């Protein structure tokens, strides 16, 4: 095979791995990767403002609001007035949300990051620069993207 075929196959394998993991997550837990990240963030703190959740998981506040709407409809989170400032609405994880989170499989990026962190610094630098070059070659470097291994538009309904 030629170099470009090997590269295209590897890119397709990555895309498929992300897609299959997303489908497995949805099938086993009923969650998407961004929903899982919101629940994980809330599980650490118990509650937070949507703007703070958005900052922590690198998504827009509008996207987080949409995700919280769906999680609230499923009974996994609740919106409550902040005790200190009644003008502020906090998002609170429910017991059902904690159970759903505990039953969910590990997100693809967690396993990936464990293996990535084990690499030598020069290998990490080489991988990051190579993948950034690939993104540029695909005219994708200007696309808004969060550090989530998930297919599709994260702001669209699940």
C-alpha atoms as a PDB file:
ATOM      1  CA  UNK A   1       0.000   0.000   0.000  1.00  0.00           C
ATOM      2  CA  UNK A   2       1.047   3.575  -0.544  1.00  0.00           C
ATOM      3  CA  UNK A   3       1.777   6.008   2.275  1.00  0.00           C
ATOM      4  CA  UNK A   4      -1.367   8.006   1.587  1.00  0.00           C
ATOM      5  CA  UNK A   5      -3.523   4.866   1.695  1.00  0.00           C
ATOM      6  CA  UNK A   6      -1.983   3.857   5.021  1.00  0.00           C
ATOM      7  CA  UNK A   7      -2.689   7.345   6.364  1.00  0.00           C
ATOM      8  CA  UNK A   8      -6.287   7.380   5.121  1.00  0.00           C
ATOM      9  CA  UNK A   9      -6.888   3.930   6.611  1.00  0.00           C
ATOM     10  CA  UNK A  10      -5.503   5.076   9.973  1.00  0.00           C
ATOM     11  CA  UNK A  11      -7.712   8.184   9.899  1.00  0.00           C
ATOM     12  CA  UNK A  12     -10.738   6.046   9.072  1.00  0.00           C
ATOM     13  CA  UNK A  13      -9.887   3.655  11.922  1.00  0.00           C
ATOM     14  CA  UNK A  14      -9.754   6.589  14.341  1.00  0.00           C
ATOM     15  CA  UNK A  15     -13.082   7.901  13.070  1.00  0.00           C
ATOM     16  CA  UNK A  16     -14.657   4.441  13.396  1.00  0.00           C
ATOM     17  CA  UNK A  17     -13.263   3.953  16.913  1.00  0.00           C
ATOM     18  CA  UNK A  18     -14.808   7.267  17.976  1.00  0.00           C
ATOM     19  CA  UNK A  19     -18.121   6.407  16.327  1.00  0.00           C
ATOM     20  CA  UNK A  20     -18.294   2.893  17.815  1.00  0.00           C
ATOM     21  CA  UNK A  21     -17.403   4.170  21.279  1.00  0.00           C
ATOM     22  CA  UNK A  22     -20.081   6.856  21.037  1.00  0.00           C
ATOM     23  CA  UNK A  23     -22.674   4.254  20.064  1.00  0.00           C
ATOM     24  CA  UNK A  24     -21.576   1.897  22.876  1.00  0.00           C
ATOM     25  CA  UNK A  25     -21.802   4.726  25.409  1.00  0.00           C
ATOM     26  CA  UNK A  26     -25.273   5.685  24.183  1.00  0.00           C
ATOM     27  CA  UNK A  27     -26.459   2.056  24.196  1.00  0.00           C
ATOM     28  CA  UNK A  28     -25.149   1.153  27.655  1.00  0.00           C
ATOM     29  CA  UNK A  29     -25.869   4.395  29.497  1.00  0.00           C
ATOM     30  CA  UNK A  30     -28.184   6.439  27.298  1.00  0.00           C
ATOM     31  CA  UNK A  31     -25.612   9.240  27.423  1.00  0.00           C
ATOM     32  CA  UNK A  32     -23.464  11.014  24.884  1.00  0.00           C
ATOM     33  CA  UNK A  33     -19.827  11.822  25.653  1.00  0.00           C
ATOM     34  CA  UNK A  34     -20.596  15.527  26.286  1.00  0.00           C
ATOM     35  CA  UNK A  35     -23.439  14.560  28.648  1.00  0.00           C
ATOM     36  CA  UNK A  36     -21.090  12.216  30.449  1.00  0.00           C
ATOM     37  CA  UNK A  37     -18.528  15.016  30.839  1.00  0.00           C
ATOM     38  CA  UNK A  38     -21.159  17.340  32.305  1.00  0.00           C
ATOM     39  CA  UNK A  39     -22.197  14.647  34.799  1.00  0.00           C
ATOM     40  CA  UNK A  40     -18.554  13.937  35.695  1.00  0.00           C
ATOM     41  CA  UNK A  41     -17.956  17.642  36.300  1.00  0.00           C
ATOM     42  CA  UNK A  42     -21.018  17.876  38.515  1.00  0.00           C
ATOM     43  CA  UNK A  43     -20.126  14.682  40.376  1.00  0.00           C
ATOM     44  CA  UNK A  44     -16.824  16.256  41.428  1.00  0.00           C
ATOM     45  CA  UNK A  45     -18.400  19.453  42.750  1.00  0.00           C
ATOM     46  CA  UNK A  46     -22.009  18.364  43.413  1.00  0.00           C
ATOM     47  CA  UNK A  47     -23.263  21.546  41.731  1.00  0.00           C
ATOM     48  CA  UNK A  48     -22.037  24.350  39.493  1.00  0.00           C
ATOM     49  CA  UNK A  49     -23.110  27.217  37.278  1.00  0.00           C
ATOM     50  CA  UNK A  50     -23.534  26.376  33.576  1.00  0.00           C
ATOM     51  CA  UNK A  51     -20.834  28.918  32.682  1.00  0.00           C
ATOM     52  CA  UNK A  52     -18.350  27.173  34.984  1.00  0.00           C
ATOM     53  CA  UNK A  53     -19.226  23.753  33.572  1.00  0.00           C
ATOM     54  CA  UNK A  54     -18.704  25.130  30.055  1.00  0.00           C
ATOM     55  CA  UNK A  55     -15.310  26.543  31.035  1.00  0.00           C
ATOM     56  CA  UNK A  56     -14.163  23.267  32.583  1.00  0.00           C
ATOM     57  CA  UNK A  57     -15.122  21.047  29.641  1.00  0.00           C
ATOM     58  CA  UNK A  58     -14.270  23.558  26.882  1.00  0.00           C
ATOM     59  CA  UNK A  59     -17.727  23.843  25.351  1.00  0.00           C
ATOM     60  CA  UNK A  60     -19.794  26.964  24.741  1.00  0.00           C
ATOM     61  CA  UNK A  61     -22.294  27.962  27.405  1.00  0.00           C
ATOM     62  CA  UNK A  62     -25.099  27.557  24.832  1.00  0.00           C
ATOM     63  CA  UNK A  63     -24.017  23.963  24.185  1.00  0.00           C
ATOM     64  CA  UNK A  64     -23.838  23.208  27.917  1.00  0.00           C
ATOM     65  CA  UNK A  65     -27.291  24.737  28.422  1.00  0.00           C
ATOM     66  CA  UNK A  66     -28.669  22.450  25.712  1.00  0.00           C
ATOM     67  CA  UNK A  67     -26.962  19.415  27.296  1.00  0.00           C
ATOM     68  CA  UNK A  68     -28.281  20.373  30.754  1.00  0.00           C
ATOM     69  CA  UNK A  69     -31.809  20.698  29.301  1.00  0.00           C
ATOM     70  CA  UNK A  70     -31.636  17.078  28.107  1.00  0.00           C
ATOM     71  CA  UNK A  71     -30.056  15.828  31.343  1.00  0.00           C
ATOM     72  CA  UNK A  72     -32.734  17.615  33.370  1.00  0.00           C
ATOM     73  CA  UNK A  73     -35.505  16.105  31.223  1.00  0.00           C
ATOM     74  CA  UNK A  74     -33.993  12.670  31.970  1.00  0.00           C
ATOM     75  CA  UNK A  75     -33.930  13.384  35.720  1.00  0.00           C
ATOM     76  CA  UNK A  76     -30.123  13.257  35.908  1.00  0.00           C
ATOM     77  CA  UNK A  77     -29.633  16.877  36.988  1.00  0.00           C
ATOM     78  CA  UNK A  78     -31.771  19.650  38.484  1.00  0.00           C
ATOM     79  CA  UNK A  79     -31.601  23.409  38.255  1.00  0.00           C
ATOM     80  CA  UNK A  80     -31.759  25.126  41.650  1.00  0.00           C
ATOM     81  CA  UNK A  81     -31.467  28.699  42.816  1.00  0.00           C
ATOM     82  CA  UNK A  82     -28.107  29.478  44.401  1.00  0.00           C
ATOM     83  CA  UNK A  83     -28.416  29.857  48.189  1.00  0.00           C
ATOM     84  CA  UNK A  84     -26.070  32.855  48.315  1.00  0.00           C
ATOM     85  CA  UNK A  85     -27.344  34.704  45.243  1.00  0.00           C
ATOM     86  CA  UNK A  86     -30.953  33.952  44.360  1.00  0.00           C
ATOM     87  CA  UNK A  87     -30.419  35.417  40.854  1.00  0.00           C
ATOM     88  CA  UNK A  88     -28.025  32.584  40.003  1.00  0.00           C
ATOM     89  CA  UNK A  89     -29.211  29.150  38.878  1.00  0.00           C
ATOM     90  CA  UNK A  90     -26.954  26.202  39.698  1.00  0.00           C
ATOM     91  CA  UNK A  91     -27.017  22.787  38.096  1.00  0.00           C
ATOM     92  CA  UNK A  92     -27.081  19.945  40.637  1.00  0.00           C
ATOM     93  CA  UNK A  93     -26.494  16.257  39.916  1.00  0.00           C
ATOM     94  CA  UNK A  94     -29.254  13.962  41.190  1.00  0.00           C
ATOM     95  CA  UNK A  95     -28.887  10.519  42.744  1.00  0.00           C
ATOM     96  CA  UNK A  96     -30.174   9.093  39.477  1.00  0.00           C
ATOM     97  CA  UNK A  97     -27.446  11.054  37.670  1.00  0.00           C
ATOM     98  CA  UNK A  98     -24.789   9.642  40.005  1.00  0.00           C
ATOM     99  CA  UNK A  99     -26.043   6.104  39.418  1.00  0.00           C
ATOM    100  CA  UNK A 100     -26.126   6.583  35.659  1.00  0.00           C
ATOM    101  CA  UNK A 101     -22.594   7.974  35.796  1.00  0.00           C
ATOM    102  CA  UNK A 102     -21.348   5.034  37.874  1.00  0.00           C
ATOM    103  CA  UNK A 103     -22.844   2.570  35.384  1.00  0.00           C
ATOM    104  CA  UNK A 104     -21.419   4.320  32.292  1.00  0.00           C
ATOM    105  CA  UNK A 105     -18.349   2.932  30.516  1.00  0.00           C
ATOM    106  CA  UNK A 106     -15.116   4.909  30.469  1.00  0.00           C
ATOM    107  CA  UNK A 107     -15.090   7.600  27.770  1.00  0.00           C
ATOM    108  CA  UNK A 108     -12.722   6.882  24.883  1.00  0.00           C
ATOM    109  CA  UNK A 109     -10.571   9.905  25.655  1.00  0.00           C
ATOM    110  CA  UNK A 110      -9.846   8.687  29.201  1.00  0.00           C
ATOM    111  CA  UNK A 111      -8.192   5.482  27.994  1.00  0.00           C
ATOM    112  CA  UNK A 112      -6.454   7.396  25.239  1.00  0.00           C
ATOM    113  CA  UNK A 113      -5.117  10.009  27.657  1.00  0.00           C
ATOM    114  CA  UNK A 114      -3.755   7.358  30.020  1.00  0.00           C
ATOM    115  CA  UNK A 115      -1.743   5.850  27.152  1.00  0.00           C
ATOM    116  CA  UNK A 116      -0.764   9.279  25.804  1.00  0.00           C
ATOM    117  CA  UNK A 117       0.512  10.389  29.222  1.00  0.00           C
ATOM    118  CA  UNK A 118       2.756   7.292  29.337  1.00  0.00           C
ATOM    119  CA  UNK A 119       4.614   8.394  26.187  1.00  0.00           C
ATOM    120  CA  UNK A 120       7.951  10.178  26.211  1.00  0.00           C
ATOM    121  CA  UNK A 121       7.738  13.964  25.811  1.00  0.00           C
ATOM    122  CA  UNK A 122       9.257  13.857  22.318  1.00  0.00           C
ATOM    123  CA  UNK A 123       6.606  11.331  21.233  1.00  0.00           C
ATOM    124  CA  UNK A 124       3.809  13.532  22.589  1.00  0.00           C
ATOM    125  CA  UNK A 125       5.192  16.575  20.799  1.00  0.00           C
ATOM    126  CA  UNK A 126       5.576  14.650  17.548  1.00  0.00           C
ATOM    127  CA  UNK A 127       2.017  13.289  17.731  1.00  0.00           C
ATOM    128  CA  UNK A 128       0.456  16.655  18.547  1.00  0.00           C
ATOM    129  CA  UNK A 129       2.298  18.461  15.762  1.00  0.00           C
ATOM    130  CA  UNK A 130       1.540  15.696  13.242  1.00  0.00           C
ATOM    131  CA  UNK A 131      -2.173  15.647  14.030  1.00  0.00           C
ATOM    132  CA  UNK A 132      -2.304  19.456  13.964  1.00  0.00           C
ATOM    133  CA  UNK A 133      -0.697  19.303  10.514  1.00  0.00           C
ATOM    134  CA  UNK A 134      -3.355  16.775   9.438  1.00  0.00           C
ATOM    135  CA  UNK A 135      -6.101  19.098  10.680  1.00  0.00           C
ATOM    136  CA  UNK A 136      -4.586  21.935   8.664  1.00  0.00           C
ATOM    137  CA  UNK A 137      -4.320  19.737   5.554  1.00  0.00           C
ATOM    138  CA  UNK A 138      -8.052  18.987   5.909  1.00  0.00           C
ATOM    139  CA  UNK A 139      -8.853  22.718   6.367  1.00  0.00           C
ATOM    140  CA  UNK A 140     -10.153  21.842   9.824  1.00  0.00           C
ATOM    141  CA  UNK A 141      -7.875  23.943  12.029  1.00  0.00           C
ATOM    142  CA  UNK A 142     -10.410  26.777  12.224  1.00  0.00           C
ATOM    143  CA  UNK A 143     -13.295  24.547  13.286  1.00  0.00           C
ATOM    144  CA  UNK A 144     -14.475  24.946  16.858  1.00  0.00           C
ATOM    145  CA  UNK A 145     -13.756  21.707  18.701  1.00  0.00           C
ATOM    146  CA  UNK A 146     -13.797  20.575  22.305  1.00  0.00           C
ATOM    147  CA  UNK A 147     -11.360  17.987  23.687  1.00  0.00           C
ATOM    148  CA  UNK A 148     -14.015  15.271  23.451  1.00  0.00           C
ATOM    149  CA  UNK A 149     -13.752  12.194  21.261  1.00  0.00           C
ATOM    150  CA  UNK A 150     -17.298  12.292  19.912  1.00  0.00           C
ATOM    151  CA  UNK A 151     -18.662  12.409  16.389  1.00  0.00           C
ATOM    152  CA  UNK A 152     -21.080  15.042  15.146  1.00  0.00           C
ATOM    153  CA  UNK A 153     -22.062  18.515  16.229  1.00  0.00           C
ATOM    154  CA  UNK A 154     -22.061  18.711  20.018  1.00  0.00           C
ATOM    155  CA  UNK A 155     -24.641  21.500  20.046  1.00  0.00           C
ATOM    156  CA  UNK A 156     -27.271  19.468  18.188  1.00  0.00           C
ATOM    157  CA  UNK A 157     -29.880  17.379  20.003  1.00  0.00           C
ATOM    158  CA  UNK A 158     -28.849  13.811  20.840  1.00  0.00           C
END
